Amino acid sequence: MEIQKGVVMDGRSTVSRRQVLVNGATAAAGVALAGCACGALGGCQTEKDKPAVITTGVVNIGPETQYPAGTANVSLLPKYGIVVTNDSGERLAIRPKCTHKGCTAKWNDKDFQFECPCHGSEFDLLGRAIKGPANKPLPSVVAQGQPDGTLTVDLDRLYAE
């Protein structure tokens, strides 16, 4: 039986050992890259796999010192759906749900404001509408100081609709 460039002369094809190794390495690289892309981009996580946002109860959001004056802290957005802001001492838990059509407004560190990607509404550090079409402020509640120096937020008041 004569073999010529991966084809056996009786009509059946063969694959060289080298081609098996190349195909295997290519497949392994593809799987590795897909895993990295899913982890880095979060695009492979389905809605049912994502942790649910907690929207009820009184929650402790940590020490007051995590929220200095003149800042917006977005670290609680994935867990509680809130951004904690501090204009000049009073800390607000803001739910960045645009009051125009309900889209999620994003915090813009550069311009120091919330911006709605759907229709262009803008809100200041306290959640007040500064550019329409929204004309009402973002939902917010004051974070309550505790004796141990931490803050709590009543999510039931914030998410009441």
N, C-alpha and C. Protein backbone atom coordinates (compact mmCIF):
# COMPACT_ATOMS: atom_id res chain seq x y z
N MET A 1 0.84 -1.16 0.00
CA MET A 1 0.00 0.00 0.00
C MET A 1 0.89 1.23 0.00
N GLU A 2 0.68 2.14 -0.91
CA GLU A 2 1.51 3.32 -1.08
C GLU A 2 0.82 4.52 -0.42
N ILE A 3 1.57 5.27 0.38
CA ILE A 3 1.02 6.47 1.04
C ILE A 3 1.63 7.68 0.37
N GLN A 4 0.76 8.62 0.01
CA GLN A 4 1.22 9.82 -0.67
C GLN A 4 0.51 11.02 -0.07
N LYS A 5 1.22 11.89 0.66
CA LYS A 5 0.70 13.11 1.26
C LYS A 5 -0.61 12.89 2.01
N GLY A 6 -0.63 11.94 2.92
CA GLY A 6 -1.78 11.73 3.77
C GLY A 6 -2.91 10.98 3.13
N VAL A 7 -2.73 10.41 1.94
CA VAL A 7 -3.80 9.64 1.31
C VAL A 7 -3.29 8.25 1.01
N VAL A 8 -4.02 7.26 1.47
CA VAL A 8 -3.68 5.88 1.15
C VAL A 8 -4.27 5.62 -0.23
N MET A 9 -3.52 4.97 -1.09
CA MET A 9 -3.93 4.83 -2.49
C MET A 9 -5.18 3.99 -2.68
N ASP A 10 -5.67 3.30 -1.62
CA ASP A 10 -6.89 2.53 -1.81
C ASP A 10 -8.13 3.40 -1.59
N GLY A 11 -7.96 4.75 -1.47
CA GLY A 11 -9.10 5.65 -1.38
C GLY A 11 -9.37 6.20 0.00
N ARG A 12 -8.81 5.60 1.03
CA ARG A 12 -9.03 6.11 2.39
C ARG A 12 -7.99 7.17 2.70
N SER A 13 -8.38 8.21 3.46
CA SER A 13 -7.41 9.24 3.82
C SER A 13 -6.80 8.91 5.17
N THR A 14 -5.59 9.38 5.37
CA THR A 14 -4.92 9.23 6.65
C THR A 14 -4.49 10.60 7.13
N VAL A 15 -4.18 10.71 8.39
CA VAL A 15 -3.70 11.95 8.96
C VAL A 15 -2.34 11.66 9.57
N SER A 16 -1.40 12.51 9.24
CA SER A 16 -0.04 12.29 9.77
C SER A 16 -0.01 12.58 11.27
N ARG A 17 0.97 12.02 11.93
CA ARG A 17 1.16 12.26 13.36
C ARG A 17 1.37 13.75 13.60
N ARG A 18 2.09 14.40 12.72
CA ARG A 18 2.35 15.84 12.84
C ARG A 18 1.04 16.63 12.78
N GLN A 19 0.14 16.27 11.86
CA GLN A 19 -1.12 16.98 11.71
C GLN A 19 -2.01 16.78 12.95
N VAL A 20 -1.97 15.58 13.54
CA VAL A 20 -2.73 15.32 14.77
C VAL A 20 -2.23 16.24 15.88
N LEU A 21 -0.91 16.37 16.00
CA LEU A 21 -0.34 17.24 17.03
C LEU A 21 -0.69 18.70 16.79
N VAL A 22 -0.61 19.15 15.55
CA VAL A 22 -0.93 20.54 15.21
C VAL A 22 -2.41 20.81 15.51
N ASN A 23 -3.30 19.89 15.09
CA ASN A 23 -4.73 20.08 15.34
C ASN A 23 -5.03 20.08 16.84
N GLY A 24 -4.38 19.21 17.58
CA GLY A 24 -4.59 19.15 19.02
C GLY A 24 -4.13 20.42 19.72
N ALA A 25 -2.96 20.92 19.31
CA ALA A 25 -2.44 22.15 19.91
C ALA A 25 -3.35 23.33 19.58
N THR A 26 -3.85 23.39 18.37
CA THR A 26 -4.75 24.47 17.96
C THR A 26 -6.04 24.42 18.77
N ALA A 27 -6.60 23.23 18.95
CA ALA A 27 -7.82 23.09 19.72
C ALA A 27 -7.59 23.48 21.19
N ALA A 28 -6.48 23.06 21.76
CA ALA A 28 -6.17 23.40 23.15
C ALA A 28 -6.03 24.91 23.33
N ALA A 29 -5.36 25.55 22.38
CA ALA A 29 -5.19 27.00 22.45
C ALA A 29 -6.55 27.71 22.36
N GLY A 30 -7.41 27.20 21.49
CA GLY A 30 -8.74 27.79 21.35
C GLY A 30 -9.55 27.68 22.63
N VAL A 31 -9.49 26.52 23.28
CA VAL A 31 -10.20 26.33 24.54
C VAL A 31 -9.64 27.26 25.61
N ALA A 32 -8.33 27.38 25.67
CA ALA A 32 -7.70 28.25 26.67
C ALA A 32 -8.10 29.71 26.44
N LEU A 33 -8.09 30.16 25.19
CA LEU A 33 -8.46 31.54 24.90
C LEU A 33 -9.93 31.79 25.20
N ALA A 34 -10.77 30.84 24.90
CA ALA A 34 -12.20 30.99 25.19
C ALA A 34 -12.41 31.12 26.69
N GLY A 35 -11.69 30.34 27.46
CA GLY A 35 -11.79 30.42 28.91
C GLY A 35 -11.35 31.77 29.43
N CYS A 36 -10.27 32.30 28.88
CA CYS A 36 -9.78 33.62 29.30
C CYS A 36 -10.79 34.70 28.92
N ALA A 37 -11.32 34.62 27.72
CA ALA A 37 -12.26 35.64 27.27
C ALA A 37 -13.51 35.61 28.13
N CYS A 38 -13.98 34.41 28.48
CA CYS A 38 -15.18 34.33 29.31
C CYS A 38 -14.91 34.92 30.68
N GLY A 39 -13.78 34.62 31.25
CA GLY A 39 -13.46 35.13 32.58
C GLY A 39 -13.22 36.63 32.56
N ALA A 40 -12.51 37.10 31.56
CA ALA A 40 -12.15 38.52 31.52
C ALA A 40 -13.33 39.40 31.13
N LEU A 41 -14.13 38.93 30.21
CA LEU A 41 -15.22 39.74 29.72
C LEU A 41 -16.54 39.47 30.41
N GLY A 42 -16.65 38.35 31.07
CA GLY A 42 -17.89 38.01 31.74
C GLY A 42 -19.00 37.66 30.78
N GLY A 43 -18.70 37.51 29.53
CA GLY A 43 -19.72 37.26 28.52
C GLY A 43 -20.26 35.84 28.52
N CYS A 44 -19.60 34.92 29.16
CA CYS A 44 -20.05 33.54 29.15
C CYS A 44 -20.98 33.22 30.31
N GLN A 45 -21.14 34.15 31.23
CA GLN A 45 -21.98 33.91 32.39
C GLN A 45 -23.42 34.18 31.99
N THR A 46 -24.28 33.21 32.23
CA THR A 46 -25.69 33.41 31.90
C THR A 46 -26.37 34.19 33.01
N GLU A 47 -27.54 34.74 32.71
CA GLU A 47 -28.28 35.50 33.69
C GLU A 47 -28.56 34.68 34.94
N LYS A 48 -28.88 33.39 34.77
CA LYS A 48 -29.21 32.57 35.93
C LYS A 48 -27.97 32.28 36.79
N ASP A 49 -26.75 32.40 36.21
CA ASP A 49 -25.52 32.17 36.96
C ASP A 49 -25.07 33.41 37.72
N LYS A 50 -25.54 34.58 37.31
CA LYS A 50 -25.13 35.81 37.96
C LYS A 50 -25.82 35.91 39.32
N PRO A 51 -25.09 36.39 40.33
CA PRO A 51 -25.73 36.54 41.63
C PRO A 51 -26.82 37.60 41.55
N ALA A 52 -27.93 37.34 42.22
CA ALA A 52 -29.04 38.28 42.21
C ALA A 52 -28.68 39.51 43.04
N VAL A 53 -29.15 40.66 42.59
CA VAL A 53 -28.96 41.89 43.34
C VAL A 53 -29.89 41.85 44.55
N ILE A 54 -29.35 42.14 45.71
CA ILE A 54 -30.16 42.14 46.93
C ILE A 54 -30.90 43.47 46.99
N THR A 55 -32.24 43.42 47.10
CA THR A 55 -33.05 44.63 47.04
C THR A 55 -33.93 44.83 48.28
N THR A 56 -33.80 43.98 49.28
CA THR A 56 -34.62 44.12 50.48
C THR A 56 -33.76 44.04 51.73
N GLY A 57 -34.29 44.64 52.79
CA GLY A 57 -33.63 44.57 54.09
C GLY A 57 -32.72 45.75 54.35
N VAL A 58 -32.27 45.82 55.59
CA VAL A 58 -31.29 46.82 56.00
C VAL A 58 -29.93 46.16 55.91
N VAL A 59 -29.03 46.75 55.14
CA VAL A 59 -27.71 46.14 54.92
C VAL A 59 -26.61 47.07 55.44
N ASN A 60 -25.57 46.46 55.97
CA ASN A 60 -24.41 47.20 56.44
C ASN A 60 -23.46 47.35 55.25
N ILE A 61 -23.10 48.60 54.93
CA ILE A 61 -22.25 48.84 53.76
C ILE A 61 -20.81 49.16 54.12
N GLY A 62 -20.46 48.98 55.40
CA GLY A 62 -19.07 49.15 55.81
C GLY A 62 -18.80 50.45 56.52
N PRO A 63 -17.52 50.70 56.80
CA PRO A 63 -17.13 51.88 57.56
C PRO A 63 -17.39 53.19 56.82
N GLU A 64 -17.76 54.20 57.60
CA GLU A 64 -17.99 55.54 57.03
C GLU A 64 -16.78 56.03 56.26
N THR A 65 -15.59 55.63 56.71
CA THR A 65 -14.35 56.10 56.09
C THR A 65 -14.18 55.63 54.64
N GLN A 66 -14.96 54.63 54.22
CA GLN A 66 -14.90 54.16 52.83
C GLN A 66 -15.55 55.16 51.87
N TYR A 67 -16.25 56.14 52.42
CA TYR A 67 -17.03 57.06 51.60
C TYR A 67 -16.69 58.51 51.95
N PRO A 68 -15.47 58.96 51.62
CA PRO A 68 -15.07 60.34 51.96
C PRO A 68 -15.84 61.38 51.14
N ALA A 69 -15.85 62.61 51.63
CA ALA A 69 -16.55 63.71 50.96
C ALA A 69 -16.03 63.88 49.52
N GLY A 70 -16.97 64.18 48.63
CA GLY A 70 -16.61 64.43 47.24
C GLY A 70 -16.35 63.18 46.42
N THR A 71 -16.94 62.04 46.83
CA THR A 71 -16.69 60.79 46.11
C THR A 71 -17.98 60.05 45.77
N ALA A 72 -17.85 59.16 44.82
CA ALA A 72 -18.91 58.20 44.48
C ALA A 72 -18.26 56.82 44.48
N ASN A 73 -18.80 55.91 45.25
CA ASN A 73 -18.25 54.56 45.37
C ASN A 73 -19.20 53.58 44.68
N VAL A 74 -18.74 52.98 43.60
CA VAL A 74 -19.59 52.07 42.80
C VAL A 74 -19.39 50.60 43.19
N SER A 75 -18.63 50.31 44.22
CA SER A 75 -18.30 48.92 44.55
C SER A 75 -19.50 48.08 44.97
N LEU A 76 -20.59 48.71 45.41
CA LEU A 76 -21.77 47.96 45.85
C LEU A 76 -22.82 47.79 44.75
N LEU A 77 -22.52 48.28 43.57
CA LEU A 77 -23.47 48.17 42.46
C LEU A 77 -23.82 46.71 42.12
N PRO A 78 -22.84 45.80 42.02
CA PRO A 78 -23.21 44.41 41.69
C PRO A 78 -24.02 43.71 42.78
N LYS A 79 -23.75 44.02 44.03
CA LYS A 79 -24.40 43.30 45.13
C LYS A 79 -25.76 43.89 45.51
N TYR A 80 -25.82 45.23 45.63
CA TYR A 80 -27.05 45.88 46.08
C TYR A 80 -27.68 46.81 45.05
N GLY A 81 -27.02 47.03 43.92
CA GLY A 81 -27.56 47.92 42.90
C GLY A 81 -27.50 49.38 43.32
N ILE A 82 -26.52 49.73 44.15
CA ILE A 82 -26.43 51.11 44.63
C ILE A 82 -25.03 51.68 44.42
N VAL A 83 -25.00 53.00 44.34
CA VAL A 83 -23.76 53.76 44.34
C VAL A 83 -23.84 54.64 45.58
N VAL A 84 -22.80 54.62 46.39
CA VAL A 84 -22.79 55.45 47.60
C VAL A 84 -22.00 56.71 47.31
N THR A 85 -22.66 57.85 47.48
CA THR A 85 -22.02 59.14 47.21
C THR A 85 -21.93 59.95 48.50
N ASN A 86 -21.02 60.88 48.51
CA ASN A 86 -20.84 61.77 49.65
C ASN A 86 -20.47 63.13 49.09
N ASP A 87 -21.41 64.04 49.14
CA ASP A 87 -21.15 65.38 48.64
C ASP A 87 -20.29 66.16 49.63
N SER A 88 -20.76 66.25 50.87
CA SER A 88 -19.98 66.98 51.88
C SER A 88 -20.30 66.49 53.29
N GLY A 89 -20.34 65.19 53.45
CA GLY A 89 -20.55 64.62 54.77
C GLY A 89 -21.75 63.71 54.88
N GLU A 90 -22.81 63.98 54.13
CA GLU A 90 -23.98 63.10 54.16
C GLU A 90 -23.85 62.06 53.05
N ARG A 91 -23.84 60.80 53.46
CA ARG A 91 -23.68 59.72 52.48
C ARG A 91 -25.04 59.26 52.00
N LEU A 92 -25.17 59.20 50.68
CA LEU A 92 -26.41 58.75 50.05
C LEU A 92 -26.20 57.43 49.34
N ALA A 93 -27.16 56.54 49.49
CA ALA A 93 -27.19 55.34 48.66
C ALA A 93 -28.11 55.67 47.50
N ILE A 94 -27.55 55.70 46.32
CA ILE A 94 -28.31 56.08 45.12
C ILE A 94 -28.53 54.84 44.26
N ARG A 95 -29.76 54.65 43.88
CA ARG A 95 -30.10 53.59 42.92
C ARG A 95 -30.09 54.26 41.56
N PRO A 96 -29.13 53.92 40.69
CA PRO A 96 -28.98 54.66 39.44
C PRO A 96 -29.97 54.25 38.34
N LYS A 97 -31.24 54.20 38.71
CA LYS A 97 -32.31 53.89 37.74
C LYS A 97 -32.86 55.21 37.23
N CYS A 98 -32.60 55.49 35.96
CA CYS A 98 -33.02 56.76 35.38
C CYS A 98 -34.52 56.95 35.54
N THR A 99 -34.90 58.14 35.96
CA THR A 99 -36.31 58.44 36.20
C THR A 99 -37.08 58.79 34.93
N HIS A 100 -36.41 58.72 33.79
CA HIS A 100 -37.09 58.96 32.52
C HIS A 100 -37.74 57.68 32.01
N LYS A 101 -36.93 56.65 31.74
CA LYS A 101 -37.45 55.38 31.19
C LYS A 101 -36.93 54.16 31.94
N GLY A 102 -36.17 54.36 33.03
CA GLY A 102 -35.74 53.23 33.85
C GLY A 102 -34.43 52.57 33.46
N CYS A 103 -33.69 53.15 32.55
CA CYS A 103 -32.38 52.60 32.19
C CYS A 103 -31.41 52.80 33.36
N THR A 104 -30.35 52.03 33.39
CA THR A 104 -29.34 52.19 34.44
C THR A 104 -28.35 53.27 34.04
N ALA A 105 -28.31 54.33 34.85
CA ALA A 105 -27.36 55.41 34.60
C ALA A 105 -25.98 54.97 35.09
N LYS A 106 -24.96 55.28 34.34
CA LYS A 106 -23.59 54.91 34.68
C LYS A 106 -22.88 56.10 35.34
N TRP A 107 -22.05 55.80 36.34
CA TRP A 107 -21.26 56.85 36.96
C TRP A 107 -20.08 57.17 36.05
N ASN A 108 -19.88 58.44 35.76
CA ASN A 108 -18.78 58.90 34.94
C ASN A 108 -17.80 59.65 35.85
N ASP A 109 -16.67 58.99 36.18
CA ASP A 109 -15.67 59.60 37.06
C ASP A 109 -15.07 60.87 36.48
N LYS A 110 -14.89 60.88 35.17
CA LYS A 110 -14.24 62.03 34.52
C LYS A 110 -15.11 63.29 34.63
N ASP A 111 -16.41 63.13 34.33
CA ASP A 111 -17.31 64.28 34.37
C ASP A 111 -18.00 64.42 35.73
N PHE A 112 -17.77 63.47 36.63
CA PHE A 112 -18.29 63.48 37.99
C PHE A 112 -19.81 63.58 38.01
N GLN A 113 -20.46 62.67 37.25
CA GLN A 113 -21.92 62.66 37.19
C GLN A 113 -22.41 61.30 36.71
N PHE A 114 -23.69 61.05 36.94
CA PHE A 114 -24.35 59.87 36.40
C PHE A 114 -24.85 60.22 35.01
N GLU A 115 -24.72 59.28 34.07
CA GLU A 115 -25.17 59.53 32.70
C GLU A 115 -26.01 58.35 32.23
N CYS A 116 -27.18 58.65 31.72
CA CYS A 116 -28.06 57.60 31.21
C CYS A 116 -27.70 57.33 29.75
N PRO A 117 -27.33 56.08 29.44
CA PRO A 117 -26.93 55.76 28.08
C PRO A 117 -28.10 55.68 27.10
N CYS A 118 -29.32 55.63 27.59
CA CYS A 118 -30.47 55.46 26.70
C CYS A 118 -30.93 56.75 26.04
N HIS A 119 -31.08 57.82 26.83
CA HIS A 119 -31.62 59.05 26.27
C HIS A 119 -30.84 60.30 26.66
N GLY A 120 -29.68 60.12 27.32
CA GLY A 120 -28.79 61.24 27.57
C GLY A 120 -29.03 62.05 28.82
N SER A 121 -29.91 61.59 29.71
CA SER A 121 -30.11 62.33 30.95
C SER A 121 -28.83 62.30 31.78
N GLU A 122 -28.63 63.36 32.56
CA GLU A 122 -27.46 63.46 33.42
C GLU A 122 -27.91 63.86 34.81
N PHE A 123 -27.17 63.32 35.81
CA PHE A 123 -27.49 63.55 37.21
C PHE A 123 -26.21 63.88 37.97
N ASP A 124 -26.31 64.79 38.94
CA ASP A 124 -25.13 65.18 39.71
C ASP A 124 -24.80 64.14 40.79
N LEU A 125 -23.81 64.46 41.62
CA LEU A 125 -23.34 63.56 42.67
C LEU A 125 -24.44 63.17 43.66
N LEU A 126 -25.43 64.04 43.83
CA LEU A 126 -26.54 63.75 44.73
C LEU A 126 -27.71 63.09 44.01
N GLY A 127 -27.55 62.82 42.73
CA GLY A 127 -28.61 62.17 41.96
C GLY A 127 -29.64 63.12 41.39
N ARG A 128 -29.42 64.41 41.50
CA ARG A 128 -30.37 65.39 40.97
C ARG A 128 -30.23 65.49 39.45
N ALA A 129 -31.36 65.57 38.76
CA ALA A 129 -31.35 65.70 37.30
C ALA A 129 -30.77 67.06 36.92
N ILE A 130 -29.74 67.04 36.06
CA ILE A 130 -29.14 68.29 35.61
C ILE A 130 -29.29 68.47 34.10
N LYS A 131 -29.71 67.39 33.41
CA LYS A 131 -29.98 67.46 31.97
C LYS A 131 -31.03 66.41 31.66
N GLY A 132 -32.05 66.82 30.91
CA GLY A 132 -33.16 65.94 30.58
C GLY A 132 -32.86 65.01 29.44
N PRO A 133 -33.81 64.17 29.17
CA PRO A 133 -35.24 64.32 29.43
C PRO A 133 -35.70 64.00 30.85
N ALA A 134 -34.92 63.33 31.69
CA ALA A 134 -35.34 63.07 33.07
C ALA A 134 -35.44 64.40 33.81
N ASN A 135 -36.49 64.53 34.62
CA ASN A 135 -36.63 65.76 35.40
C ASN A 135 -36.75 65.48 36.90
N LYS A 136 -36.72 64.22 37.31
CA LYS A 136 -36.75 63.85 38.71
C LYS A 136 -35.40 63.27 39.10
N PRO A 137 -35.05 63.38 40.39
CA PRO A 137 -33.77 62.82 40.84
C PRO A 137 -33.78 61.29 40.84
N LEU A 138 -32.58 60.70 40.85
CA LEU A 138 -32.45 59.25 40.99
C LEU A 138 -32.93 58.85 42.38
N PRO A 139 -33.53 57.65 42.52
CA PRO A 139 -33.95 57.20 43.85
C PRO A 139 -32.76 57.12 44.79
N SER A 140 -32.94 57.63 46.02
CA SER A 140 -31.84 57.59 46.99
C SER A 140 -32.38 57.57 48.41
N VAL A 141 -31.56 57.09 49.33
CA VAL A 141 -31.83 57.17 50.76
C VAL A 141 -30.52 57.53 51.46
N VAL A 142 -30.67 58.16 52.61
CA VAL A 142 -29.50 58.51 53.41
C VAL A 142 -29.00 57.26 54.11
N ALA A 143 -27.69 57.04 54.06
CA ALA A 143 -27.08 55.94 54.79
C ALA A 143 -27.02 56.34 56.26
N GLN A 144 -27.41 55.42 57.12
CA GLN A 144 -27.48 55.71 58.56
C GLN A 144 -26.21 55.28 59.27
N GLY A 145 -25.62 56.21 60.04
CA GLY A 145 -24.44 55.91 60.82
C GLY A 145 -24.77 55.02 62.02
N GLN A 146 -23.90 54.09 62.32
CA GLN A 146 -24.09 53.18 63.45
C GLN A 146 -23.04 53.48 64.52
N PRO A 147 -23.29 53.07 65.77
CA PRO A 147 -22.34 53.33 66.86
C PRO A 147 -20.93 52.78 66.59
N ASP A 148 -20.84 51.71 65.81
CA ASP A 148 -19.52 51.12 65.55
C ASP A 148 -18.77 51.79 64.39
N GLY A 149 -19.34 52.88 63.84
CA GLY A 149 -18.67 53.61 62.76
C GLY A 149 -18.99 53.11 61.36
N THR A 150 -19.91 52.14 61.27
CA THR A 150 -20.32 51.65 59.95
C THR A 150 -21.60 52.36 59.52
N LEU A 151 -21.99 52.09 58.30
CA LEU A 151 -23.22 52.67 57.73
C LEU A 151 -24.17 51.55 57.34
N THR A 152 -25.47 51.83 57.46
CA THR A 152 -26.48 50.89 56.98
C THR A 152 -27.39 51.61 55.99
N VAL A 153 -27.97 50.82 55.09
CA VAL A 153 -28.89 51.35 54.09
C VAL A 153 -30.15 50.49 54.13
N ASP A 154 -31.30 51.15 54.16
CA ASP A 154 -32.59 50.46 54.12
C ASP A 154 -33.00 50.28 52.65
N LEU A 155 -32.72 49.10 52.12
CA LEU A 155 -33.02 48.84 50.71
C LEU A 155 -34.52 48.79 50.44
N ASP A 156 -35.32 48.45 51.45
CA ASP A 156 -36.77 48.41 51.26
C ASP A 156 -37.30 49.81 50.90
N ARG A 157 -36.77 50.83 51.52
CA ARG A 157 -37.17 52.21 51.19
C ARG A 157 -36.67 52.60 49.81
N LEU A 158 -35.46 52.17 49.49
CA LEU A 158 -34.85 52.56 48.21
C LEU A 158 -35.53 51.88 47.03
N TYR A 159 -35.93 50.62 47.20
CA TYR A 159 -36.52 49.86 46.11
C TYR A 159 -38.05 49.89 46.11
N ALA A 160 -38.66 50.61 47.05
CA ALA A 160 -40.12 50.72 47.07
C ALA A 160 -40.58 51.47 45.83
N GLU A 161 -41.53 50.87 45.13
CA GLU A 161 -42.03 51.55 43.92
C GLU A 161 -43.53 51.53 43.88
